[in-house]
mmCIF file of all heavy atoms, coordinates in Angstrom:
data_MODEL
# 
_entry.id   MODEL 
# 
loop_
_atom_site.group_PDB 
_atom_site.id 
_atom_site.type_symbol 
_atom_site.label_atom_id 
_atom_site.label_alt_id 
_atom_site.label_comp_id 
_atom_site.label_asym_id 
_atom_site.label_entity_id 
_atom_site.label_seq_id 
_atom_site.pdbx_PDB_ins_code 
_atom_site.Cartn_x 
_atom_site.Cartn_y 
_atom_site.Cartn_z 
_atom_site.occupancy 
_atom_site.B_iso_or_equiv 
_atom_site.pdbx_formal_charge 
_atom_site.auth_seq_id 
_atom_site.auth_comp_id 
_atom_site.auth_asym_id 
_atom_site.auth_atom_id 
_atom_site.pdbx_PDB_model_num 
ATOM 1   N N   . TRP A 1 1  ? -43.393 -26.032 -36.676 1.00 0.00 ? 1  TRP A N   1 
ATOM 2   C CA  . TRP A 1 1  ? -43.513 -24.619 -36.429 1.00 0.00 ? 1  TRP A CA  1 
ATOM 3   C C   . TRP A 1 1  ? -42.640 -24.209 -35.232 1.00 0.00 ? 1  TRP A C   1 
ATOM 4   O O   . TRP A 1 1  ? -42.560 -24.924 -34.250 1.00 0.00 ? 1  TRP A O   1 
ATOM 5   C CB  . TRP A 1 1  ? -44.984 -24.255 -36.115 1.00 0.00 ? 1  TRP A CB  1 
ATOM 6   C CG  . TRP A 1 1  ? -45.880 -24.319 -37.307 1.00 0.00 ? 1  TRP A CG  1 
ATOM 7   C CD1 . TRP A 1 1  ? -46.796 -25.238 -37.619 1.00 0.00 ? 1  TRP A CD1 1 
ATOM 8   C CD2 . TRP A 1 1  ? -45.947 -23.306 -38.380 1.00 0.00 ? 1  TRP A CD2 1 
ATOM 9   N NE1 . TRP A 1 1  ? -47.440 -24.926 -38.811 1.00 0.00 ? 1  TRP A NE1 1 
ATOM 10  C CE2 . TRP A 1 1  ? -46.918 -23.802 -39.286 1.00 0.00 ? 1  TRP A CE2 1 
ATOM 11  C CE3 . TRP A 1 1  ? -45.240 -22.133 -38.610 1.00 0.00 ? 1  TRP A CE3 1 
ATOM 12  C CZ2 . TRP A 1 1  ? -47.220 -23.085 -40.422 1.00 0.00 ? 1  TRP A CZ2 1 
ATOM 13  C CZ3 . TRP A 1 1  ? -45.530 -21.442 -39.761 1.00 0.00 ? 1  TRP A CZ3 1 
ATOM 14  C CH2 . TRP A 1 1  ? -46.511 -21.900 -40.676 1.00 0.00 ? 1  TRP A CH2 1 
ATOM 15  N N   . TRP A 1 2  ? -42.046 -23.034 -35.382 1.00 0.00 ? 2  TRP A N   1 
ATOM 16  C CA  . TRP A 1 2  ? -41.245 -22.423 -34.370 1.00 0.00 ? 2  TRP A CA  1 
ATOM 17  C C   . TRP A 1 2  ? -41.743 -20.991 -34.123 1.00 0.00 ? 2  TRP A C   1 
ATOM 18  O O   . TRP A 1 2  ? -42.430 -20.422 -34.946 1.00 0.00 ? 2  TRP A O   1 
ATOM 19  C CB  . TRP A 1 2  ? -39.793 -22.355 -34.794 1.00 0.00 ? 2  TRP A CB  1 
ATOM 20  C CG  . TRP A 1 2  ? -39.175 -23.669 -35.068 1.00 0.00 ? 2  TRP A CG  1 
ATOM 21  C CD1 . TRP A 1 2  ? -39.375 -24.423 -36.192 1.00 0.00 ? 2  TRP A CD1 1 
ATOM 22  C CD2 . TRP A 1 2  ? -38.249 -24.409 -34.248 1.00 0.00 ? 2  TRP A CD2 1 
ATOM 23  N NE1 . TRP A 1 2  ? -38.690 -25.605 -36.113 1.00 0.00 ? 2  TRP A NE1 1 
ATOM 24  C CE2 . TRP A 1 2  ? -37.957 -25.642 -34.906 1.00 0.00 ? 2  TRP A CE2 1 
ATOM 25  C CE3 . TRP A 1 2  ? -37.679 -24.155 -33.010 1.00 0.00 ? 2  TRP A CE3 1 
ATOM 26  C CZ2 . TRP A 1 2  ? -37.085 -26.570 -34.416 1.00 0.00 ? 2  TRP A CZ2 1 
ATOM 27  C CZ3 . TRP A 1 2  ? -36.812 -25.092 -32.483 1.00 0.00 ? 2  TRP A CZ3 1 
ATOM 28  C CH2 . TRP A 1 2  ? -36.518 -26.281 -33.185 1.00 0.00 ? 2  TRP A CH2 1 
ATOM 29  N N   . ARG A 1 3  ? -41.351 -20.429 -32.946 1.00 0.00 ? 3  ARG A N   1 
ATOM 30  C CA  . ARG A 1 3  ? -41.653 -19.050 -32.719 1.00 0.00 ? 3  ARG A CA  1 
ATOM 31  C C   . ARG A 1 3  ? -40.402 -18.406 -32.101 1.00 0.00 ? 3  ARG A C   1 
ATOM 32  O O   . ARG A 1 3  ? -39.615 -19.037 -31.409 1.00 0.00 ? 3  ARG A O   1 
ATOM 33  C CB  . ARG A 1 3  ? -42.832 -18.877 -31.823 1.00 0.00 ? 3  ARG A CB  1 
ATOM 34  C CG  . ARG A 1 3  ? -42.600 -19.249 -30.357 1.00 0.00 ? 3  ARG A CG  1 
ATOM 35  C CD  . ARG A 1 3  ? -43.804 -19.034 -29.502 1.00 0.00 ? 3  ARG A CD  1 
ATOM 36  N NE  . ARG A 1 3  ? -43.561 -19.473 -28.123 1.00 0.00 ? 3  ARG A NE  1 
ATOM 37  C CZ  . ARG A 1 3  ? -44.481 -19.492 -27.138 1.00 0.00 ? 3  ARG A CZ  1 
ATOM 38  N NH1 . ARG A 1 3  ? -45.755 -19.129 -27.428 1.00 0.00 ? 3  ARG A NH1 1 
ATOM 39  N NH2 . ARG A 1 3  ? -44.188 -19.855 -25.935 1.00 0.00 ? 3  ARG A NH2 1 
ATOM 40  N N   . ARG A 1 4  ? -40.277 -17.073 -32.359 1.00 0.00 ? 4  ARG A N   1 
ATOM 41  C CA  . ARG A 1 4  ? -39.202 -16.324 -31.727 1.00 0.00 ? 4  ARG A CA  1 
ATOM 42  C C   . ARG A 1 4  ? -39.852 -15.582 -30.579 1.00 0.00 ? 4  ARG A C   1 
ATOM 43  O O   . ARG A 1 4  ? -40.796 -14.848 -30.735 1.00 0.00 ? 4  ARG A O   1 
ATOM 44  C CB  . ARG A 1 4  ? -38.572 -15.328 -32.709 1.00 0.00 ? 4  ARG A CB  1 
ATOM 45  C CG  . ARG A 1 4  ? -37.407 -14.556 -32.055 1.00 0.00 ? 4  ARG A CG  1 
ATOM 46  C CD  . ARG A 1 4  ? -36.659 -13.711 -33.098 1.00 0.00 ? 4  ARG A CD  1 
ATOM 47  N NE  . ARG A 1 4  ? -37.496 -12.701 -33.728 1.00 0.00 ? 4  ARG A NE  1 
ATOM 48  C CZ  . ARG A 1 4  ? -37.771 -11.492 -33.158 1.00 0.00 ? 4  ARG A CZ  1 
ATOM 49  N NH1 . ARG A 1 4  ? -37.239 -11.223 -31.949 1.00 0.00 ? 4  ARG A NH1 1 
ATOM 50  N NH2 . ARG A 1 4  ? -38.509 -10.626 -33.793 1.00 0.00 ? 4  ARG A NH2 1 
ATOM 51  N N   . ARG A 1 5  ? -39.282 -15.782 -29.373 1.00 0.00 ? 5  ARG A N   1 
ATOM 52  C CA  . ARG A 1 5  ? -39.860 -15.202 -28.179 1.00 0.00 ? 5  ARG A CA  1 
ATOM 53  C C   . ARG A 1 5  ? -38.719 -14.558 -27.359 1.00 0.00 ? 5  ARG A C   1 
ATOM 54  O O   . ARG A 1 5  ? -37.887 -15.292 -26.858 1.00 0.00 ? 5  ARG A O   1 
ATOM 55  C CB  . ARG A 1 5  ? -40.613 -16.263 -27.361 1.00 0.00 ? 5  ARG A CB  1 
ATOM 56  C CG  . ARG A 1 5  ? -41.358 -15.685 -26.133 1.00 0.00 ? 5  ARG A CG  1 
ATOM 57  C CD  . ARG A 1 5  ? -42.282 -16.665 -25.499 1.00 0.00 ? 5  ARG A CD  1 
ATOM 58  N NE  . ARG A 1 5  ? -41.512 -17.859 -25.037 1.00 0.00 ? 5  ARG A NE  1 
ATOM 59  C CZ  . ARG A 1 5  ? -41.045 -17.929 -23.777 1.00 0.00 ? 5  ARG A CZ  1 
ATOM 60  N NH1 . ARG A 1 5  ? -41.218 -16.961 -22.900 1.00 0.00 ? 5  ARG A NH1 1 
ATOM 61  N NH2 . ARG A 1 5  ? -40.431 -19.000 -23.389 1.00 0.00 ? 5  ARG A NH2 1 
ATOM 62  N N   . PHE A 1 6  ? -38.692 -13.253 -27.264 1.00 0.00 ? 6  PHE A N   1 
ATOM 63  C CA  . PHE A 1 6  ? -37.724 -12.553 -26.527 1.00 0.00 ? 6  PHE A CA  1 
ATOM 64  C C   . PHE A 1 6  ? -36.286 -12.974 -26.863 1.00 0.00 ? 6  PHE A C   1 
ATOM 65  O O   . PHE A 1 6  ? -35.439 -13.216 -25.990 1.00 0.00 ? 6  PHE A O   1 
ATOM 66  C CB  . PHE A 1 6  ? -37.978 -12.645 -25.044 1.00 0.00 ? 6  PHE A CB  1 
ATOM 67  C CG  . PHE A 1 6  ? -39.306 -11.992 -24.599 1.00 0.00 ? 6  PHE A CG  1 
ATOM 68  C CD1 . PHE A 1 6  ? -40.352 -12.791 -24.234 1.00 0.00 ? 6  PHE A CD1 1 
ATOM 69  C CD2 . PHE A 1 6  ? -39.433 -10.613 -24.690 1.00 0.00 ? 6  PHE A CD2 1 
ATOM 70  C CE1 . PHE A 1 6  ? -41.566 -12.212 -23.890 1.00 0.00 ? 6  PHE A CE1 1 
ATOM 71  C CE2 . PHE A 1 6  ? -40.652 -10.058 -24.346 1.00 0.00 ? 6  PHE A CE2 1 
ATOM 72  C CZ  . PHE A 1 6  ? -41.693 -10.800 -23.955 1.00 0.00 ? 6  PHE A CZ  1 
ATOM 73  N N   . GLY A 1 7  ? -36.061 -13.060 -28.171 1.00 0.00 ? 7  GLY A N   1 
ATOM 74  C CA  . GLY A 1 7  ? -34.683 -13.310 -28.657 1.00 0.00 ? 7  GLY A CA  1 
ATOM 75  C C   . GLY A 1 7  ? -34.319 -14.766 -28.853 1.00 0.00 ? 7  GLY A C   1 
ATOM 76  O O   . GLY A 1 7  ? -33.214 -15.029 -29.330 1.00 0.00 ? 7  GLY A O   1 
ATOM 77  N N   . GLU A 1 8  ? -35.179 -15.675 -28.507 1.00 0.00 ? 8  GLU A N   1 
ATOM 78  C CA  . GLU A 1 8  ? -34.857 -17.101 -28.617 1.00 0.00 ? 8  GLU A CA  1 
ATOM 79  C C   . GLU A 1 8  ? -35.899 -17.805 -29.537 1.00 0.00 ? 8  GLU A C   1 
ATOM 80  O O   . GLU A 1 8  ? -37.094 -17.543 -29.454 1.00 0.00 ? 8  GLU A O   1 
ATOM 81  C CB  . GLU A 1 8  ? -34.786 -17.726 -27.277 1.00 0.00 ? 8  GLU A CB  1 
ATOM 82  C CG  . GLU A 1 8  ? -33.639 -17.244 -26.421 1.00 0.00 ? 8  GLU A CG  1 
ATOM 83  C CD  . GLU A 1 8  ? -33.583 -17.982 -25.088 1.00 0.00 ? 8  GLU A CD  1 
ATOM 84  O OE1 . GLU A 1 8  ? -34.437 -18.850 -24.815 1.00 0.00 ? 8  GLU A OE1 1 
ATOM 85  O OE2 . GLU A 1 8  ? -32.691 -17.715 -24.307 1.00 0.00 ? 8  GLU A OE2 1 
ATOM 86  N N   . LEU A 1 9  ? -35.391 -18.723 -30.375 1.00 0.00 ? 9  LEU A N   1 
ATOM 87  C CA  . LEU A 1 9  ? -36.218 -19.550 -31.266 1.00 0.00 ? 9  LEU A CA  1 
ATOM 88  C C   . LEU A 1 9  ? -36.567 -20.796 -30.464 1.00 0.00 ? 9  LEU A C   1 
ATOM 89  O O   . LEU A 1 9  ? -35.712 -21.480 -29.885 1.00 0.00 ? 9  LEU A O   1 
ATOM 90  C CB  . LEU A 1 9  ? -35.531 -19.876 -32.482 1.00 0.00 ? 9  LEU A CB  1 
ATOM 91  C CG  . LEU A 1 9  ? -36.390 -20.322 -33.687 1.00 0.00 ? 9  LEU A CG  1 
ATOM 92  C CD1 . LEU A 1 9  ? -37.314 -19.161 -34.128 1.00 0.00 ? 9  LEU A CD1 1 
ATOM 93  C CD2 . LEU A 1 9  ? -35.524 -20.700 -34.879 1.00 0.00 ? 9  LEU A CD2 1 
ATOM 94  N N   . GLU A 1 10 ? -37.878 -21.164 -30.438 1.00 0.00 ? 10 GLU A N   1 
ATOM 95  C CA  . GLU A 1 10 ? -38.350 -22.326 -29.707 1.00 0.00 ? 10 GLU A CA  1 
ATOM 96  C C   . GLU A 1 10 ? -39.504 -22.970 -30.427 1.00 0.00 ? 10 GLU A C   1 
ATOM 97  O O   . GLU A 1 10 ? -40.208 -22.319 -31.174 1.00 0.00 ? 10 GLU A O   1 
ATOM 98  C CB  . GLU A 1 10 ? -38.737 -21.935 -28.257 1.00 0.00 ? 10 GLU A CB  1 
ATOM 99  C CG  . GLU A 1 10 ? -39.856 -20.948 -28.254 1.00 0.00 ? 10 GLU A CG  1 
ATOM 100 C CD  . GLU A 1 10 ? -40.145 -20.394 -26.831 1.00 0.00 ? 10 GLU A CD  1 
ATOM 101 O OE1 . GLU A 1 10 ? -39.307 -20.512 -25.935 1.00 0.00 ? 10 GLU A OE1 1 
ATOM 102 O OE2 . GLU A 1 10 ? -41.290 -19.847 -26.635 1.00 0.00 ? 10 GLU A OE2 1 
ATOM 103 N N   . PRO A 1 11 ? -39.696 -24.310 -30.205 1.00 0.00 ? 11 PRO A N   1 
ATOM 104 C CA  . PRO A 1 11 ? -40.818 -24.923 -30.808 1.00 0.00 ? 11 PRO A CA  1 
ATOM 105 C C   . PRO A 1 11 ? -42.144 -24.255 -30.374 1.00 0.00 ? 11 PRO A C   1 
ATOM 106 O O   . PRO A 1 11 ? -42.342 -23.853 -29.228 1.00 0.00 ? 11 PRO A O   1 
ATOM 107 C CB  . PRO A 1 11 ? -40.770 -26.364 -30.304 1.00 0.00 ? 11 PRO A CB  1 
ATOM 108 C CG  . PRO A 1 11 ? -39.318 -26.570 -29.937 1.00 0.00 ? 11 PRO A CG  1 
ATOM 109 C CD  . PRO A 1 11 ? -38.864 -25.250 -29.437 1.00 0.00 ? 11 PRO A CD  1 
ATOM 110 N N   . LEU A 1 12 ? -43.064 -24.148 -31.317 1.00 0.00 ? 12 LEU A N   1 
ATOM 111 C CA  . LEU A 1 12 ? -44.372 -23.486 -30.999 1.00 0.00 ? 12 LEU A CA  1 
ATOM 112 C C   . LEU A 1 12 ? -45.179 -24.412 -30.136 1.00 0.00 ? 12 LEU A C   1 
ATOM 113 O O   . LEU A 1 12 ? -45.534 -25.530 -30.523 1.00 0.00 ? 12 LEU A O   1 
ATOM 114 C CB  . LEU A 1 12 ? -45.086 -23.250 -32.318 1.00 0.00 ? 12 LEU A CB  1 
ATOM 115 C CG  . LEU A 1 12 ? -46.437 -22.510 -32.227 1.00 0.00 ? 12 LEU A CG  1 
ATOM 116 C CD1 . LEU A 1 12 ? -46.198 -21.005 -31.879 1.00 0.00 ? 12 LEU A CD1 1 
ATOM 117 C CD2 . LEU A 1 12 ? -47.228 -22.603 -33.555 1.00 0.00 ? 12 LEU A CD2 1 
ATOM 118 N N   . PRO A 1 13 ? -45.547 -23.971 -28.930 1.00 0.00 ? 13 PRO A N   1 
ATOM 119 C CA  . PRO A 1 13 ? -46.371 -24.844 -28.037 1.00 0.00 ? 13 PRO A CA  1 
ATOM 120 C C   . PRO A 1 13 ? -47.799 -24.954 -28.609 1.00 0.00 ? 13 PRO A C   1 
ATOM 121 O O   . PRO A 1 13 ? -48.508 -23.985 -28.700 1.00 0.00 ? 13 PRO A O   1 
ATOM 122 C CB  . PRO A 1 13 ? -46.363 -24.103 -26.688 1.00 0.00 ? 13 PRO A CB  1 
ATOM 123 C CG  . PRO A 1 13 ? -45.283 -23.088 -26.859 1.00 0.00 ? 13 PRO A CG  1 
ATOM 124 C CD  . PRO A 1 13 ? -45.180 -22.737 -28.273 1.00 0.00 ? 13 PRO A CD  1 
ATOM 125 N N   . PRO A 1 14 ? -48.198 -26.192 -28.944 1.00 0.00 ? 14 PRO A N   1 
ATOM 126 C CA  . PRO A 1 14 ? -49.524 -26.293 -29.645 1.00 0.00 ? 14 PRO A CA  1 
ATOM 127 C C   . PRO A 1 14 ? -50.713 -25.922 -28.788 1.00 0.00 ? 14 PRO A C   1 
ATOM 128 O O   . PRO A 1 14 ? -51.735 -25.496 -29.332 1.00 0.00 ? 14 PRO A O   1 
ATOM 129 C CB  . PRO A 1 14 ? -49.504 -27.791 -30.069 1.00 0.00 ? 14 PRO A CB  1 
ATOM 130 C CG  . PRO A 1 14 ? -48.583 -28.462 -29.108 1.00 0.00 ? 14 PRO A CG  1 
ATOM 131 C CD  . PRO A 1 14 ? -47.486 -27.489 -28.836 1.00 0.00 ? 14 PRO A CD  1 
ATOM 132 N N   . ASP A 1 15 ? -50.623 -26.143 -27.471 1.00 0.00 ? 15 ASP A N   1 
ATOM 133 C CA  . ASP A 1 15 ? -51.823 -25.967 -26.674 1.00 0.00 ? 15 ASP A CA  1 
ATOM 134 C C   . ASP A 1 15 ? -51.881 -24.608 -25.961 1.00 0.00 ? 15 ASP A C   1 
ATOM 135 O O   . ASP A 1 15 ? -52.791 -24.348 -25.180 1.00 0.00 ? 15 ASP A O   1 
ATOM 136 C CB  . ASP A 1 15 ? -51.892 -27.062 -25.577 1.00 0.00 ? 15 ASP A CB  1 
ATOM 137 C CG  . ASP A 1 15 ? -50.668 -27.177 -24.719 1.00 0.00 ? 15 ASP A CG  1 
ATOM 138 O OD1 . ASP A 1 15 ? -49.672 -26.484 -25.046 1.00 0.00 ? 15 ASP A OD1 1 
ATOM 139 O OD2 . ASP A 1 15 ? -50.668 -27.955 -23.759 1.00 0.00 ? 15 ASP A OD2 1 
ATOM 140 N N   . GLN A 1 16 ? -50.961 -23.640 -26.274 1.00 0.00 ? 16 GLN A N   1 
ATOM 141 C CA  . GLN A 1 16 ? -51.103 -22.327 -25.775 1.00 0.00 ? 16 GLN A CA  1 
ATOM 142 C C   . GLN A 1 16 ? -51.987 -21.497 -26.655 1.00 0.00 ? 16 GLN A C   1 
ATOM 143 O O   . GLN A 1 16 ? -52.028 -21.719 -27.897 1.00 0.00 ? 16 GLN A O   1 
ATOM 144 C CB  . GLN A 1 16 ? -49.710 -21.645 -25.719 1.00 0.00 ? 16 GLN A CB  1 
ATOM 145 C CG  . GLN A 1 16 ? -48.813 -22.131 -24.593 1.00 0.00 ? 16 GLN A CG  1 
ATOM 146 C CD  . GLN A 1 16 ? -47.525 -21.321 -24.493 1.00 0.00 ? 16 GLN A CD  1 
ATOM 147 O OE1 . GLN A 1 16 ? -47.402 -20.242 -25.132 1.00 0.00 ? 16 GLN A OE1 1 
ATOM 148 N NE2 . GLN A 1 16 ? -46.617 -21.822 -23.701 1.00 0.00 ? 16 GLN A NE2 1 
ATOM 149 N N   . PRO A 1 17 ? -52.708 -20.502 -26.107 1.00 0.00 ? 17 PRO A N   1 
ATOM 150 C CA  . PRO A 1 17 ? -53.436 -19.541 -26.948 1.00 0.00 ? 17 PRO A CA  1 
ATOM 151 C C   . PRO A 1 17 ? -52.534 -18.874 -27.960 1.00 0.00 ? 17 PRO A C   1 
ATOM 152 O O   . PRO A 1 17 ? -51.423 -18.448 -27.644 1.00 0.00 ? 17 PRO A O   1 
ATOM 153 C CB  . PRO A 1 17 ? -54.018 -18.595 -25.943 1.00 0.00 ? 17 PRO A CB  1 
ATOM 154 C CG  . PRO A 1 17 ? -54.093 -19.307 -24.667 1.00 0.00 ? 17 PRO A CG  1 
ATOM 155 C CD  . PRO A 1 17 ? -52.905 -20.220 -24.666 1.00 0.00 ? 17 PRO A CD  1 
ATOM 156 N N   . VAL A 1 18 ? -52.984 -18.766 -29.157 1.00 0.00 ? 18 VAL A N   1 
ATOM 157 C CA  . VAL A 1 18 ? -52.249 -18.085 -30.205 1.00 0.00 ? 18 VAL A CA  1 
ATOM 158 C C   . VAL A 1 18 ? -52.156 -16.579 -29.789 1.00 0.00 ? 18 VAL A C   1 
ATOM 159 O O   . VAL A 1 18 ? -53.104 -16.021 -29.256 1.00 0.00 ? 18 VAL A O   1 
ATOM 160 C CB  . VAL A 1 18 ? -52.887 -18.200 -31.594 1.00 0.00 ? 18 VAL A CB  1 
ATOM 161 C CG1 . VAL A 1 18 ? -54.265 -17.576 -31.694 1.00 0.00 ? 18 VAL A CG1 1 
ATOM 162 C CG2 . VAL A 1 18 ? -51.966 -17.655 -32.665 1.00 0.00 ? 18 VAL A CG2 1 
ATOM 163 N N   . GLN A 1 19 ? -50.990 -15.974 -30.035 1.00 0.00 ? 19 GLN A N   1 
ATOM 164 C CA  . GLN A 1 19 ? -50.850 -14.531 -29.776 1.00 0.00 ? 19 GLN A CA  1 
ATOM 165 C C   . GLN A 1 19 ? -50.093 -13.888 -30.935 1.00 0.00 ? 19 GLN A C   1 
ATOM 166 O O   . GLN A 1 19 ? -49.581 -14.549 -31.814 1.00 0.00 ? 19 GLN A O   1 
ATOM 167 C CB  . GLN A 1 19 ? -50.162 -14.291 -28.458 1.00 0.00 ? 19 GLN A CB  1 
ATOM 168 C CG  . GLN A 1 19 ? -48.717 -14.706 -28.355 1.00 0.00 ? 19 GLN A CG  1 
ATOM 169 C CD  . GLN A 1 19 ? -48.076 -14.298 -27.046 1.00 0.00 ? 19 GLN A CD  1 
ATOM 170 O OE1 . GLN A 1 19 ? -48.619 -13.532 -26.233 1.00 0.00 ? 19 GLN A OE1 1 
ATOM 171 N NE2 . GLN A 1 19 ? -46.878 -14.810 -26.754 1.00 0.00 ? 19 GLN A NE2 1 
ATOM 172 N N   . HIS A 1 20 ? -50.096 -12.530 -30.907 1.00 0.00 ? 20 HIS A N   1 
ATOM 173 C CA  . HIS A 1 20 ? -49.476 -11.756 -31.978 1.00 0.00 ? 20 HIS A CA  1 
ATOM 174 C C   . HIS A 1 20 ? -50.211 -11.953 -33.299 1.00 0.00 ? 20 HIS A C   1 
ATOM 175 O O   . HIS A 1 20 ? -49.621 -12.026 -34.387 1.00 0.00 ? 20 HIS A O   1 
ATOM 176 C CB  . HIS A 1 20 ? -47.986 -12.093 -32.147 1.00 0.00 ? 20 HIS A CB  1 
ATOM 177 C CG  . HIS A 1 20 ? -47.182 -11.774 -30.921 1.00 0.00 ? 20 HIS A CG  1 
ATOM 178 N ND1 . HIS A 1 20 ? -47.139 -10.478 -30.373 1.00 0.00 ? 20 HIS A ND1 1 
ATOM 179 C CD2 . HIS A 1 20 ? -46.375 -12.558 -30.118 1.00 0.00 ? 20 HIS A CD2 1 
ATOM 180 C CE1 . HIS A 1 20 ? -46.330 -10.515 -29.338 1.00 0.00 ? 20 HIS A CE1 1 
ATOM 181 N NE2 . HIS A 1 20 ? -45.890 -11.744 -29.164 1.00 0.00 ? 20 HIS A NE2 1 
ATOM 182 N N   . VAL A 1 21 ? -51.560 -11.959 -33.219 1.00 0.00 ? 21 VAL A N   1 
ATOM 183 C CA  . VAL A 1 21 ? -52.410 -11.913 -34.376 1.00 0.00 ? 21 VAL A CA  1 
ATOM 184 C C   . VAL A 1 21 ? -53.132 -10.631 -34.381 1.00 0.00 ? 21 VAL A C   1 
ATOM 185 O O   . VAL A 1 21 ? -53.564 -10.171 -33.319 1.00 0.00 ? 21 VAL A O   1 
ATOM 186 C CB  . VAL A 1 21 ? -53.338 -13.090 -34.529 1.00 0.00 ? 21 VAL A CB  1 
ATOM 187 C CG1 . VAL A 1 21 ? -52.613 -14.398 -34.823 1.00 0.00 ? 21 VAL A CG1 1 
ATOM 188 C CG2 . VAL A 1 21 ? -54.204 -13.297 -33.293 1.00 0.00 ? 21 VAL A CG2 1 
ATOM 189 N N   . CYS A 1 22 ? -53.345 -10.020 -35.573 1.00 0.00 ? 22 CYS A N   1 
ATOM 190 C CA  . CYS A 1 22 ? -54.128 -8.782  -35.647 1.00 0.00 ? 22 CYS A CA  1 
ATOM 191 C C   . CYS A 1 22 ? -55.617 -9.143  -35.725 1.00 0.00 ? 22 CYS A C   1 
ATOM 192 O O   . CYS A 1 22 ? -55.990 -10.320 -35.909 1.00 0.00 ? 22 CYS A O   1 
ATOM 193 C CB  . CYS A 1 22 ? -53.656 -7.938  -36.852 1.00 0.00 ? 22 CYS A CB  1 
ATOM 194 S SG  . CYS A 1 22 ? -54.123 -8.529  -38.484 1.00 0.00 ? 22 CYS A SG  1 
ATOM 195 N N   . TRP A 1 23 ? -56.466 -8.135  -35.712 1.00 0.00 ? 23 TRP A N   1 
ATOM 196 C CA  . TRP A 1 23 ? -57.924 -8.327  -35.768 1.00 0.00 ? 23 TRP A CA  1 
ATOM 197 C C   . TRP A 1 23 ? -58.280 -8.983  -37.070 1.00 0.00 ? 23 TRP A C   1 
ATOM 198 O O   . TRP A 1 23 ? -59.128 -9.877  -37.084 1.00 0.00 ? 23 TRP A O   1 
ATOM 199 C CB  . TRP A 1 23 ? -58.613 -6.939  -35.585 1.00 0.00 ? 23 TRP A CB  1 
ATOM 200 C CG  . TRP A 1 23 ? -60.091 -7.106  -35.576 1.00 0.00 ? 23 TRP A CG  1 
ATOM 201 C CD1 . TRP A 1 23 ? -60.868 -7.267  -34.428 1.00 0.00 ? 23 TRP A CD1 1 
ATOM 202 C CD2 . TRP A 1 23 ? -61.031 -7.062  -36.637 1.00 0.00 ? 23 TRP A CD2 1 
ATOM 203 N NE1 . TRP A 1 23 ? -62.219 -7.314  -34.744 1.00 0.00 ? 23 TRP A NE1 1 
ATOM 204 C CE2 . TRP A 1 23 ? -62.329 -7.233  -36.154 1.00 0.00 ? 23 TRP A CE2 1 
ATOM 205 C CE3 . TRP A 1 23 ? -60.868 -6.920  -38.017 1.00 0.00 ? 23 TRP A CE3 1 
ATOM 206 C CZ2 . TRP A 1 23 ? -63.434 -7.256  -36.923 1.00 0.00 ? 23 TRP A CZ2 1 
ATOM 207 C CZ3 . TRP A 1 23 ? -61.980 -6.973  -38.854 1.00 0.00 ? 23 TRP A CZ3 1 
ATOM 208 C CH2 . TRP A 1 23 ? -63.287 -7.110  -38.275 1.00 0.00 ? 23 TRP A CH2 1 
ATOM 209 N N   . TYR A 1 24 ? -57.666 -8.562  -38.187 1.00 0.00 ? 24 TYR A N   1 
ATOM 210 C CA  . TYR A 1 24 ? -58.041 -9.114  -39.478 1.00 0.00 ? 24 TYR A CA  1 
ATOM 211 C C   . TYR A 1 24 ? -57.722 -10.632 -39.527 1.00 0.00 ? 24 TYR A C   1 
ATOM 212 O O   . TYR A 1 24 ? -58.500 -11.405 -40.126 1.00 0.00 ? 24 TYR A O   1 
ATOM 213 C CB  . TYR A 1 24 ? -57.294 -8.421  -40.590 1.00 0.00 ? 24 TYR A CB  1 
ATOM 214 C CG  . TYR A 1 24 ? -57.743 -7.014  -40.875 1.00 0.00 ? 24 TYR A CG  1 
ATOM 215 C CD1 . TYR A 1 24 ? -56.836 -5.913  -40.902 1.00 0.00 ? 24 TYR A CD1 1 
ATOM 216 C CD2 . TYR A 1 24 ? -59.063 -6.753  -41.139 1.00 0.00 ? 24 TYR A CD2 1 
ATOM 217 C CE1 . TYR A 1 24 ? -57.254 -4.629  -41.130 1.00 0.00 ? 24 TYR A CE1 1 
ATOM 218 C CE2 . TYR A 1 24 ? -59.525 -5.470  -41.400 1.00 0.00 ? 24 TYR A CE2 1 
ATOM 219 C CZ  . TYR A 1 24 ? -58.577 -4.374  -41.444 1.00 0.00 ? 24 TYR A CZ  1 
ATOM 220 O OH  . TYR A 1 24 ? -59.021 -3.144  -41.702 1.00 0.00 ? 24 TYR A OH  1 
ATOM 221 N N   . GLU A 1 25 ? -56.626 -11.052 -38.961 1.00 0.00 ? 25 GLU A N   1 
ATOM 222 C CA  . GLU A 1 25 ? -56.287 -12.475 -38.869 1.00 0.00 ? 25 GLU A CA  1 
ATOM 223 C C   . GLU A 1 25 ? -57.290 -13.221 -38.031 1.00 0.00 ? 25 GLU A C   1 
ATOM 224 O O   . GLU A 1 25 ? -57.713 -14.333 -38.415 1.00 0.00 ? 25 GLU A O   1 
ATOM 225 C CB  . GLU A 1 25 ? -54.858 -12.658 -38.354 1.00 0.00 ? 25 GLU A CB  1 
ATOM 226 C CG  . GLU A 1 25 ? -53.760 -12.130 -39.295 1.00 0.00 ? 25 GLU A CG  1 
ATOM 227 C CD  . GLU A 1 25 ? -52.440 -12.085 -38.655 1.00 0.00 ? 25 GLU A CD  1 
ATOM 228 O OE1 . GLU A 1 25 ? -52.294 -11.322 -37.725 1.00 0.00 ? 25 GLU A OE1 1 
ATOM 229 O OE2 . GLU A 1 25 ? -51.530 -12.801 -39.091 1.00 0.00 ? 25 GLU A OE2 1 
# 
């Protein structure tokens, strides 16, 4: 898994809180 953060693609840090999820998710 990767994430795009402020213009850069980086490996998804597994131990950080998930963000950018909506209430339904």
